[in-house]
Amino acid sequence: MNQANKFFERQRYEPISNERAPILIAWHLQTPENAGHLLRLAANVGCRLVLFVKNEEEAIFKTAKMKYVAGQAARQIDWKYCLPQEVESMIPSDYLFVALETSLGSLNLYNVKLPEKMALMLGSERSGIPADVKYTGQQNIHIPMYGMVKSMNVSHAAGVCLFEWVRQHAQNI
């Protein structure tokens, strides 16, 4: 048994109920490694679903590489590929879309109350979330960058946002 498993054997954190657990939506990711990291992160937080949005002409990831990076999380988290036009129908109607994007009008992550039922959208490593992706009630947020580098890896950005969601909603878990 490794050190983390020993530690968490003594620390009990109640799982998030599936009815309110976050959903992660990754638009047009380019690398299976990032997809694997997102699956692992989703399993750490207790997400109910991860969607990898791809157009019909986009290549599906080499699943072996993605699963290698994700480890056992690939078997423990519900994940699917879907087409852009299918996304909205796969999200429960009481969830709100949150776009984590550096765009004009986006709000500082640390100054907003994240929705209790959140469908967190992340964009591709190169171009972000497509500009035409807009859902009713969508909230656009960004992570403030105080250093010289003004971008983060997609899985790191997702980690910051998902654990901020956990921090805000931990008293309800």
N, C-alpha and C. Protein backbone atom coordinates (compact mmCIF):
# COMPACT_ATOMS: atom_id res chain seq x y z
N MET A 1 0.86 -1.18 0.00
CA MET A 1 0.00 0.00 0.00
C MET A 1 0.90 1.24 0.00
N ASN A 2 0.62 2.18 -0.89
CA ASN A 2 1.46 3.37 -0.96
C ASN A 2 1.07 4.39 0.11
N GLN A 3 1.90 5.40 0.27
CA GLN A 3 1.71 6.40 1.32
C GLN A 3 0.38 7.14 1.21
N ALA A 4 -0.02 7.50 -0.01
CA ALA A 4 -1.30 8.22 -0.18
C ALA A 4 -2.47 7.33 0.23
N ASN A 5 -2.44 6.06 -0.16
CA ASN A 5 -3.52 5.15 0.23
C ASN A 5 -3.58 5.00 1.74
N LYS A 6 -2.43 4.91 2.41
CA LYS A 6 -2.41 4.82 3.87
C LYS A 6 -3.01 6.08 4.50
N PHE A 7 -2.62 7.23 3.98
CA PHE A 7 -3.13 8.50 4.50
C PHE A 7 -4.65 8.57 4.37
N PHE A 8 -5.17 8.29 3.17
CA PHE A 8 -6.61 8.44 2.93
C PHE A 8 -7.43 7.31 3.55
N GLU A 9 -6.76 6.25 4.02
CA GLU A 9 -7.46 5.23 4.79
C GLU A 9 -7.97 5.83 6.10
N ARG A 10 -7.20 6.77 6.65
CA ARG A 10 -7.56 7.41 7.93
C ARG A 10 -8.37 8.69 7.74
N GLN A 11 -8.30 9.28 6.58
CA GLN A 11 -9.05 10.51 6.28
C GLN A 11 -10.28 10.13 5.49
N ARG A 12 -11.44 10.44 5.98
CA ARG A 12 -12.67 10.09 5.28
C ARG A 12 -13.32 11.35 4.73
N TYR A 13 -13.40 11.40 3.42
CA TYR A 13 -14.12 12.46 2.73
C TYR A 13 -15.30 11.82 2.02
N GLU A 14 -16.47 12.28 2.35
CA GLU A 14 -17.68 11.72 1.75
C GLU A 14 -17.70 12.02 0.25
N PRO A 15 -18.01 11.04 -0.58
CA PRO A 15 -18.10 11.29 -2.02
C PRO A 15 -19.23 12.28 -2.32
N ILE A 16 -19.06 13.00 -3.40
CA ILE A 16 -20.10 13.92 -3.87
C ILE A 16 -21.21 13.09 -4.49
N SER A 17 -22.44 13.42 -4.19
CA SER A 17 -23.55 12.66 -4.77
C SER A 17 -23.56 12.87 -6.28
N ASN A 18 -23.92 11.82 -6.99
CA ASN A 18 -23.94 11.87 -8.44
C ASN A 18 -24.92 12.92 -8.96
N GLU A 19 -25.95 13.24 -8.19
CA GLU A 19 -26.96 14.23 -8.62
C GLU A 19 -26.39 15.64 -8.69
N ARG A 20 -25.25 15.90 -8.03
CA ARG A 20 -24.69 17.25 -8.04
C ARG A 20 -23.20 17.28 -8.38
N ALA A 21 -22.62 16.15 -8.66
CA ALA A 21 -21.20 16.09 -9.00
C ALA A 21 -20.94 16.84 -10.31
N PRO A 22 -19.78 17.51 -10.40
CA PRO A 22 -19.46 18.24 -11.63
C PRO A 22 -19.36 17.34 -12.85
N ILE A 23 -19.58 17.95 -13.99
CA ILE A 23 -19.39 17.30 -15.29
C ILE A 23 -18.27 18.07 -15.98
N LEU A 24 -17.38 17.38 -16.64
CA LEU A 24 -16.27 17.99 -17.34
C LEU A 24 -16.46 17.78 -18.83
N ILE A 25 -16.35 18.86 -19.60
CA ILE A 25 -16.53 18.81 -21.06
C ILE A 25 -15.28 19.40 -21.71
N ALA A 26 -14.55 18.59 -22.45
CA ALA A 26 -13.31 19.01 -23.09
C ALA A 26 -13.52 19.09 -24.60
N TRP A 27 -13.40 20.29 -25.14
CA TRP A 27 -13.64 20.55 -26.56
C TRP A 27 -12.36 20.39 -27.37
N HIS A 28 -12.35 19.43 -28.29
CA HIS A 28 -11.32 19.28 -29.32
C HIS A 28 -9.89 19.18 -28.77
N LEU A 29 -9.71 18.42 -27.70
CA LEU A 29 -8.34 18.21 -27.19
C LEU A 29 -7.48 17.58 -28.27
N GLN A 30 -6.20 17.90 -28.22
CA GLN A 30 -5.26 17.41 -29.23
C GLN A 30 -4.45 16.20 -28.77
N THR A 31 -4.26 16.05 -27.47
CA THR A 31 -3.35 15.00 -27.02
C THR A 31 -4.03 14.01 -26.07
N PRO A 32 -3.74 12.73 -26.24
CA PRO A 32 -4.31 11.73 -25.33
C PRO A 32 -3.78 11.88 -23.90
N GLU A 33 -2.57 12.43 -23.75
CA GLU A 33 -2.04 12.64 -22.40
C GLU A 33 -2.92 13.61 -21.62
N ASN A 34 -3.32 14.71 -22.23
CA ASN A 34 -4.20 15.66 -21.54
C ASN A 34 -5.55 15.03 -21.22
N ALA A 35 -6.06 14.22 -22.13
CA ALA A 35 -7.32 13.52 -21.87
C ALA A 35 -7.16 12.59 -20.66
N GLY A 36 -6.05 11.87 -20.60
CA GLY A 36 -5.79 10.98 -19.47
C GLY A 36 -5.68 11.73 -18.16
N HIS A 37 -5.00 12.87 -18.20
CA HIS A 37 -4.88 13.70 -16.98
C HIS A 37 -6.25 14.19 -16.53
N LEU A 38 -7.11 14.56 -17.47
CA LEU A 38 -8.46 15.01 -17.11
C LEU A 38 -9.29 13.89 -16.49
N LEU A 39 -9.14 12.67 -17.01
CA LEU A 39 -9.86 11.54 -16.43
C LEU A 39 -9.41 11.30 -14.98
N ARG A 40 -8.12 11.36 -14.77
CA ARG A 40 -7.59 11.15 -13.41
C ARG A 40 -8.10 12.25 -12.47
N LEU A 41 -8.06 13.49 -12.92
CA LEU A 41 -8.56 14.61 -12.13
C LEU A 41 -10.05 14.44 -11.83
N ALA A 42 -10.82 14.07 -12.83
CA ALA A 42 -12.26 13.87 -12.64
C ALA A 42 -12.53 12.81 -11.59
N ALA A 43 -11.72 11.76 -11.57
CA ALA A 43 -11.87 10.71 -10.56
C ALA A 43 -11.45 11.21 -9.18
N ASN A 44 -10.43 12.09 -9.12
CA ASN A 44 -10.01 12.67 -7.84
C ASN A 44 -11.12 13.49 -7.20
N VAL A 45 -11.80 14.27 -8.02
CA VAL A 45 -12.85 15.18 -7.53
C VAL A 45 -14.17 14.45 -7.33
N GLY A 46 -14.43 13.45 -8.15
CA GLY A 46 -15.71 12.74 -8.08
C GLY A 46 -16.70 13.23 -9.12
N CYS A 47 -16.20 13.62 -10.30
CA CYS A 47 -17.09 14.06 -11.38
C CYS A 47 -18.01 12.91 -11.78
N ARG A 48 -19.19 13.27 -12.26
CA ARG A 48 -20.14 12.23 -12.67
C ARG A 48 -19.93 11.81 -14.12
N LEU A 49 -19.30 12.67 -14.94
CA LEU A 49 -19.15 12.40 -16.36
C LEU A 49 -18.06 13.27 -16.94
N VAL A 50 -17.31 12.73 -17.90
CA VAL A 50 -16.36 13.50 -18.70
C VAL A 50 -16.74 13.29 -20.17
N LEU A 51 -16.92 14.38 -20.89
CA LEU A 51 -17.21 14.32 -22.33
C LEU A 51 -16.02 14.86 -23.10
N PHE A 52 -15.59 14.12 -24.11
CA PHE A 52 -14.57 14.59 -25.04
C PHE A 52 -15.29 14.91 -26.34
N VAL A 53 -15.39 16.19 -26.66
CA VAL A 53 -16.13 16.64 -27.82
C VAL A 53 -15.19 16.67 -29.03
N LYS A 54 -15.60 15.97 -30.07
CA LYS A 54 -14.82 15.88 -31.31
C LYS A 54 -15.77 15.97 -32.49
N ASN A 55 -15.32 16.59 -33.57
CA ASN A 55 -16.07 16.55 -34.83
C ASN A 55 -15.87 15.19 -35.47
N GLU A 56 -16.73 14.85 -36.41
CA GLU A 56 -16.62 13.53 -37.06
C GLU A 56 -15.27 13.33 -37.75
N GLU A 57 -14.67 14.40 -38.26
CA GLU A 57 -13.40 14.26 -38.98
C GLU A 57 -12.19 14.26 -38.05
N GLU A 58 -12.37 14.56 -36.78
CA GLU A 58 -11.26 14.55 -35.83
C GLU A 58 -10.92 13.12 -35.42
N ALA A 59 -9.66 12.88 -35.23
CA ALA A 59 -9.22 11.55 -34.80
C ALA A 59 -9.58 11.34 -33.33
N ILE A 60 -10.03 10.15 -33.03
CA ILE A 60 -10.26 9.74 -31.65
C ILE A 60 -8.88 9.40 -31.07
N PHE A 61 -8.67 9.68 -29.80
CA PHE A 61 -7.38 9.42 -29.17
C PHE A 61 -7.01 7.95 -29.20
N LYS A 62 -5.73 7.70 -29.19
CA LYS A 62 -5.26 6.34 -28.97
C LYS A 62 -5.59 6.02 -27.51
N THR A 63 -6.61 5.21 -27.33
CA THR A 63 -7.15 4.96 -26.00
C THR A 63 -6.11 4.37 -25.06
N ALA A 64 -5.20 3.56 -25.57
CA ALA A 64 -4.19 2.94 -24.72
C ALA A 64 -3.34 4.00 -24.02
N LYS A 65 -2.93 5.03 -24.75
CA LYS A 65 -2.10 6.09 -24.17
C LYS A 65 -2.91 6.89 -23.15
N MET A 66 -4.15 7.21 -23.47
CA MET A 66 -5.02 7.95 -22.57
C MET A 66 -5.23 7.16 -21.28
N LYS A 67 -5.53 5.87 -21.41
CA LYS A 67 -5.77 5.02 -20.25
C LYS A 67 -4.50 4.83 -19.42
N TYR A 68 -3.35 4.77 -20.07
CA TYR A 68 -2.09 4.65 -19.34
C TYR A 68 -1.89 5.85 -18.42
N VAL A 69 -2.11 7.05 -18.95
CA VAL A 69 -1.95 8.27 -18.15
C VAL A 69 -3.00 8.35 -17.05
N ALA A 70 -4.23 7.97 -17.37
CA ALA A 70 -5.32 8.04 -16.40
C ALA A 70 -5.20 6.99 -15.30
N GLY A 71 -4.52 5.89 -15.60
CA GLY A 71 -4.42 4.82 -14.61
C GLY A 71 -5.79 4.20 -14.36
N GLN A 72 -6.02 3.78 -13.11
CA GLN A 72 -7.28 3.13 -12.78
C GLN A 72 -8.48 4.07 -12.91
N ALA A 73 -8.25 5.37 -12.98
CA ALA A 73 -9.34 6.34 -13.13
C ALA A 73 -10.13 6.10 -14.41
N ALA A 74 -9.47 5.60 -15.45
CA ALA A 74 -10.16 5.36 -16.73
C ALA A 74 -11.28 4.35 -16.59
N ARG A 75 -11.19 3.48 -15.60
CA ARG A 75 -12.24 2.49 -15.35
C ARG A 75 -13.24 2.95 -14.29
N GLN A 76 -12.89 3.97 -13.54
CA GLN A 76 -13.73 4.40 -12.43
C GLN A 76 -14.60 5.60 -12.74
N ILE A 77 -14.36 6.25 -13.85
CA ILE A 77 -15.12 7.45 -14.20
C ILE A 77 -15.89 7.19 -15.49
N ASP A 78 -17.09 7.72 -15.56
CA ASP A 78 -17.90 7.59 -16.77
C ASP A 78 -17.40 8.63 -17.78
N TRP A 79 -16.94 8.18 -18.94
CA TRP A 79 -16.47 9.11 -19.96
C TRP A 79 -16.91 8.64 -21.33
N LYS A 80 -17.08 9.63 -22.23
CA LYS A 80 -17.59 9.35 -23.57
C LYS A 80 -17.03 10.36 -24.57
N TYR A 81 -17.01 9.95 -25.81
CA TYR A 81 -16.81 10.89 -26.91
C TYR A 81 -18.19 11.33 -27.37
N CYS A 82 -18.29 12.57 -27.84
CA CYS A 82 -19.56 13.01 -28.42
C CYS A 82 -19.30 14.08 -29.46
N LEU A 83 -20.29 14.30 -30.29
CA LEU A 83 -20.24 15.36 -31.31
C LEU A 83 -20.68 16.68 -30.68
N PRO A 84 -20.25 17.80 -31.22
CA PRO A 84 -20.64 19.10 -30.66
C PRO A 84 -22.15 19.27 -30.51
N GLN A 85 -22.92 18.80 -31.47
CA GLN A 85 -24.37 18.98 -31.43
C GLN A 85 -25.05 18.08 -30.39
N GLU A 86 -24.32 17.14 -29.81
CA GLU A 86 -24.88 16.24 -28.80
C GLU A 86 -24.68 16.72 -27.37
N VAL A 87 -23.79 17.68 -27.17
CA VAL A 87 -23.38 18.07 -25.81
C VAL A 87 -24.58 18.45 -24.95
N GLU A 88 -25.37 19.39 -25.41
CA GLU A 88 -26.45 19.92 -24.56
C GLU A 88 -27.42 18.82 -24.13
N SER A 89 -27.69 17.87 -24.99
CA SER A 89 -28.63 16.79 -24.65
C SER A 89 -28.04 15.81 -23.63
N MET A 90 -26.72 15.83 -23.42
CA MET A 90 -26.08 14.91 -22.49
C MET A 90 -25.90 15.49 -21.09
N ILE A 91 -26.29 16.76 -20.94
CA ILE A 91 -26.14 17.44 -19.65
C ILE A 91 -27.51 17.61 -19.01
N PRO A 92 -27.67 17.22 -17.74
CA PRO A 92 -28.98 17.39 -17.09
C PRO A 92 -29.43 18.86 -17.15
N SER A 93 -30.73 19.07 -17.29
CA SER A 93 -31.26 20.42 -17.49
C SER A 93 -31.04 21.35 -16.30
N ASP A 94 -30.79 20.81 -15.11
CA ASP A 94 -30.56 21.68 -13.94
C ASP A 94 -29.09 22.03 -13.75
N TYR A 95 -28.23 21.63 -14.67
CA TYR A 95 -26.82 22.00 -14.62
C TYR A 95 -26.60 23.30 -15.39
N LEU A 96 -25.62 24.10 -14.94
CA LEU A 96 -25.24 25.33 -15.63
C LEU A 96 -23.87 25.14 -16.27
N PHE A 97 -23.73 25.65 -17.48
CA PHE A 97 -22.47 25.58 -18.20
C PHE A 97 -21.54 26.68 -17.71
N VAL A 98 -20.28 26.30 -17.45
CA VAL A 98 -19.24 27.24 -17.06
C VAL A 98 -18.09 27.04 -18.03
N ALA A 99 -17.73 28.10 -18.76
CA ALA A 99 -16.62 28.04 -19.71
C ALA A 99 -15.38 28.61 -19.03
N LEU A 100 -14.35 27.79 -18.89
CA LEU A 100 -13.07 28.25 -18.34
C LEU A 100 -12.23 28.70 -19.52
N GLU A 101 -12.19 30.01 -19.70
CA GLU A 101 -11.63 30.57 -20.93
C GLU A 101 -11.10 31.97 -20.67
N THR A 102 -9.97 32.29 -21.26
CA THR A 102 -9.46 33.66 -21.18
C THR A 102 -10.07 34.45 -22.32
N SER A 103 -11.21 35.06 -22.03
CA SER A 103 -11.93 35.81 -23.06
C SER A 103 -12.45 37.11 -22.48
N LEU A 104 -12.69 38.08 -23.35
CA LEU A 104 -13.24 39.35 -22.90
C LEU A 104 -14.56 39.10 -22.18
N GLY A 105 -14.73 39.76 -21.06
CA GLY A 105 -15.96 39.61 -20.30
C GLY A 105 -15.97 38.45 -19.33
N SER A 106 -14.93 37.61 -19.36
CA SER A 106 -14.90 36.50 -18.40
C SER A 106 -14.62 37.06 -17.01
N LEU A 107 -15.10 36.34 -16.00
CA LEU A 107 -14.97 36.77 -14.61
C LEU A 107 -13.86 36.00 -13.92
N ASN A 108 -13.21 36.65 -12.96
CA ASN A 108 -12.16 36.05 -12.17
C ASN A 108 -12.75 34.88 -11.37
N LEU A 109 -12.18 33.70 -11.51
CA LEU A 109 -12.65 32.51 -10.82
C LEU A 109 -12.84 32.73 -9.33
N TYR A 110 -11.95 33.52 -8.72
CA TYR A 110 -11.99 33.68 -7.27
C TYR A 110 -12.97 34.75 -6.82
N ASN A 111 -13.65 35.39 -7.77
CA ASN A 111 -14.66 36.40 -7.43
C ASN A 111 -16.07 35.96 -7.77
N VAL A 112 -16.25 34.71 -8.18
CA VAL A 112 -17.58 34.23 -8.56
C VAL A 112 -17.99 33.04 -7.70
N LYS A 113 -19.28 32.89 -7.53
CA LYS A 113 -19.84 31.71 -6.89
C LYS A 113 -20.12 30.72 -8.00
N LEU A 114 -19.43 29.60 -7.99
CA LEU A 114 -19.64 28.58 -9.01
C LEU A 114 -20.96 27.87 -8.74
N PRO A 115 -21.67 27.48 -9.80
CA PRO A 115 -22.95 26.81 -9.59
C PRO A 115 -22.77 25.46 -8.91
N GLU A 116 -23.73 25.10 -8.09
CA GLU A 116 -23.66 23.82 -7.38
C GLU A 116 -23.66 22.66 -8.37
N LYS A 117 -24.40 22.80 -9.44
CA LYS A 117 -24.44 21.78 -10.49
C LYS A 117 -23.77 22.38 -11.72
N MET A 118 -22.49 22.04 -11.90
CA MET A 118 -21.65 22.71 -12.89
C MET A 118 -21.20 21.75 -13.98
N ALA A 119 -21.39 22.17 -15.22
CA ALA A 119 -20.81 21.50 -16.39
C ALA A 119 -19.66 22.38 -16.85
N LEU A 120 -18.45 22.00 -16.46
CA LEU A 120 -17.25 22.80 -16.73
C LEU A 120 -16.71 22.49 -18.11
N MET A 121 -16.61 23.52 -18.94
CA MET A 121 -16.10 23.37 -20.30
C MET A 121 -14.67 23.89 -20.39
N LEU A 122 -13.83 23.11 -21.08
CA LEU A 122 -12.45 23.45 -21.33
C LEU A 122 -12.20 23.37 -22.82
N GLY A 123 -11.30 24.20 -23.30
CA GLY A 123 -11.01 24.20 -24.73
C GLY A 123 -9.75 23.45 -25.08
N SER A 124 -9.52 23.36 -26.38
CA SER A 124 -8.33 22.67 -26.87
C SER A 124 -7.07 23.43 -26.46
N GLU A 125 -5.96 22.71 -26.51
CA GLU A 125 -4.68 23.28 -26.13
C GLU A 125 -4.29 24.45 -27.04
N ARG A 126 -4.77 24.45 -28.25
CA ARG A 126 -4.36 25.48 -29.21
C ARG A 126 -5.33 26.65 -29.31
N SER A 127 -6.62 26.35 -29.36
CA SER A 127 -7.56 27.42 -29.70
C SER A 127 -8.66 27.64 -28.68
N GLY A 128 -8.64 26.93 -27.59
CA GLY A 128 -9.66 27.14 -26.56
C GLY A 128 -11.01 26.56 -26.96
N ILE A 129 -12.04 27.08 -26.32
CA ILE A 129 -13.42 26.66 -26.61
C ILE A 129 -13.86 27.37 -27.88
N PRO A 130 -14.50 26.68 -28.81
CA PRO A 130 -14.95 27.35 -30.03
C PRO A 130 -15.82 28.58 -29.71
N ALA A 131 -15.63 29.65 -30.48
CA ALA A 131 -16.33 30.91 -30.22
C ALA A 131 -17.85 30.78 -30.31
N ASP A 132 -18.34 29.83 -31.08
CA ASP A 132 -19.79 29.70 -31.24
C ASP A 132 -20.45 28.85 -30.15
N VAL A 133 -19.68 28.38 -29.18
CA VAL A 133 -20.24 27.58 -28.08
C VAL A 133 -20.81 28.52 -27.03
N LYS A 134 -22.13 28.60 -27.00
CA LYS A 134 -22.84 29.46 -26.06
C LYS A 134 -24.10 28.74 -25.63
N TYR A 135 -24.27 28.60 -24.33
CA TYR A 135 -25.46 27.95 -23.79
C TYR A 135 -26.20 28.93 -22.90
N THR A 136 -27.49 28.74 -22.78
CA THR A 136 -28.32 29.59 -21.93
C THR A 136 -27.76 29.59 -20.52
N GLY A 137 -27.57 30.78 -19.95
CA GLY A 137 -27.07 30.92 -18.59
C GLY A 137 -25.59 30.64 -18.42
N GLN A 138 -24.88 30.47 -19.52
CA GLN A 138 -23.45 30.15 -19.45
C GLN A 138 -22.68 31.23 -18.71
N GLN A 139 -21.76 30.80 -17.86
CA GLN A 139 -20.88 31.69 -17.12
C GLN A 139 -19.47 31.51 -17.67
N ASN A 140 -18.80 32.62 -18.02
CA ASN A 140 -17.43 32.55 -18.54
C ASN A 140 -16.49 33.04 -17.44
N ILE A 141 -15.51 32.20 -17.12
CA ILE A 141 -14.57 32.54 -16.05
C ILE A 141 -13.14 32.32 -16.51
N HIS A 142 -12.21 32.97 -15.81
CA HIS A 142 -10.79 32.77 -16.08
C HIS A 142 -10.05 32.65 -14.75
N ILE A 143 -8.86 32.06 -14.81
CA ILE A 143 -7.98 31.97 -13.66
C ILE A 143 -7.01 33.15 -13.75
N PRO A 144 -6.92 33.96 -12.69
CA PRO A 144 -5.98 35.08 -12.75
C PRO A 144 -4.53 34.58 -12.81
N MET A 145 -3.74 35.19 -13.66
CA MET A 145 -2.33 34.82 -13.82
C MET A 145 -1.47 36.01 -13.39
N TYR A 146 -0.74 35.85 -12.32
CA TYR A 146 0.06 36.95 -11.78
C TYR A 146 1.51 36.91 -12.26
N GLY A 147 1.94 35.80 -12.79
CA GLY A 147 3.31 35.67 -13.26
C GLY A 147 3.47 36.09 -14.71
N MET A 148 4.64 35.85 -15.24
CA MET A 148 4.96 36.25 -16.61
C MET A 148 4.28 35.36 -17.65
N VAL A 149 4.03 34.11 -17.32
CA VAL A 149 3.38 33.19 -18.25
C VAL A 149 1.87 33.31 -18.03
N LYS A 150 1.13 33.49 -19.10
CA LYS A 150 -0.30 33.79 -19.00
C LYS A 150 -1.19 32.64 -19.49
N SER A 151 -0.70 31.42 -19.42
CA SER A 151 -1.52 30.28 -19.80
C SER A 151 -1.15 29.08 -18.93
N MET A 152 -2.07 28.12 -18.89
CA MET A 152 -1.84 26.89 -18.13
C MET A 152 -2.17 25.69 -19.01
N ASN A 153 -1.60 24.56 -18.68
CA ASN A 153 -2.01 23.32 -19.31
C ASN A 153 -3.48 23.10 -18.99
N VAL A 154 -4.22 22.53 -19.92
CA VAL A 154 -5.67 22.35 -19.76
C VAL A 154 -6.03 21.54 -18.52
N SER A 155 -5.27 20.51 -18.21
CA SER A 155 -5.59 19.71 -17.03
C SER A 155 -5.28 20.45 -15.74
N HIS A 156 -4.23 21.28 -15.74
CA HIS A 156 -3.93 22.07 -14.55
C HIS A 156 -5.02 23.11 -14.32
N ALA A 157 -5.44 23.77 -15.38
CA ALA A 157 -6.51 24.77 -15.26
C ALA A 157 -7.79 24.11 -14.74
N ALA A 158 -8.11 22.94 -15.27
CA ALA A 158 -9.29 22.22 -14.79
C ALA A 158 -9.16 21.89 -13.31
N GLY A 159 -7.97 21.49 -12.88
CA GLY A 159 -7.73 21.18 -11.47
C GLY A 159 -7.97 22.38 -10.57
N VAL A 160 -7.46 23.53 -10.97
CA VAL A 160 -7.67 24.75 -10.18
C VAL A 160 -9.16 25.03 -10.04
N CYS A 161 -9.88 24.96 -11.14
CA CYS A 161 -11.30 25.28 -11.13
C CYS A 161 -12.12 24.24 -10.37
N LEU A 162 -11.87 22.97 -10.60
CA LEU A 162 -12.65 21.93 -9.91
C LEU A 162 -12.41 21.95 -8.41
N PHE A 163 -11.19 22.18 -7.98
CA PHE A 163 -10.96 22.23 -6.54
C PHE A 163 -11.46 23.54 -5.93
N GLU A 164 -11.57 24.59 -6.71
CA GLU A 164 -12.26 25.80 -6.22
C GLU A 164 -13.74 25.48 -6.04
N TRP A 165 -14.32 24.70 -6.96
CA TRP A 165 -15.72 24.28 -6.80
C TRP A 165 -15.88 23.47 -5.51
N VAL A 166 -14.96 22.53 -5.27
CA VAL A 166 -15.00 21.73 -4.05
C VAL A 166 -14.88 22.64 -2.81
N ARG A 167 -13.96 23.60 -2.85
CA ARG A 167 -13.80 24.52 -1.72
C ARG A 167 -15.10 25.28 -1.44
N GLN A 168 -15.74 25.78 -2.51
CA GLN A 168 -16.97 26.55 -2.33
C GLN A 168 -18.14 25.71 -1.85
N HIS A 169 -18.17 24.45 -2.25
CA HIS A 169 -19.34 23.62 -1.96
C HIS A 169 -19.06 22.52 -0.94
N ALA A 170 -17.88 22.51 -0.32
CA ALA A 170 -17.51 21.43 0.60
C ALA A 170 -18.48 21.32 1.77
N GLN A 171 -19.01 22.43 2.26
CA GLN A 171 -19.93 22.37 3.39
C GLN A 171 -21.23 21.65 3.02
N ASN A 172 -21.50 21.51 1.73
CA ASN A 172 -22.71 20.83 1.27
C ASN A 172 -22.45 19.37 0.91
N ILE A 173 -21.21 18.95 0.98
CA ILE A 173 -20.85 17.58 0.58
C ILE A 173 -20.94 16.65 1.76
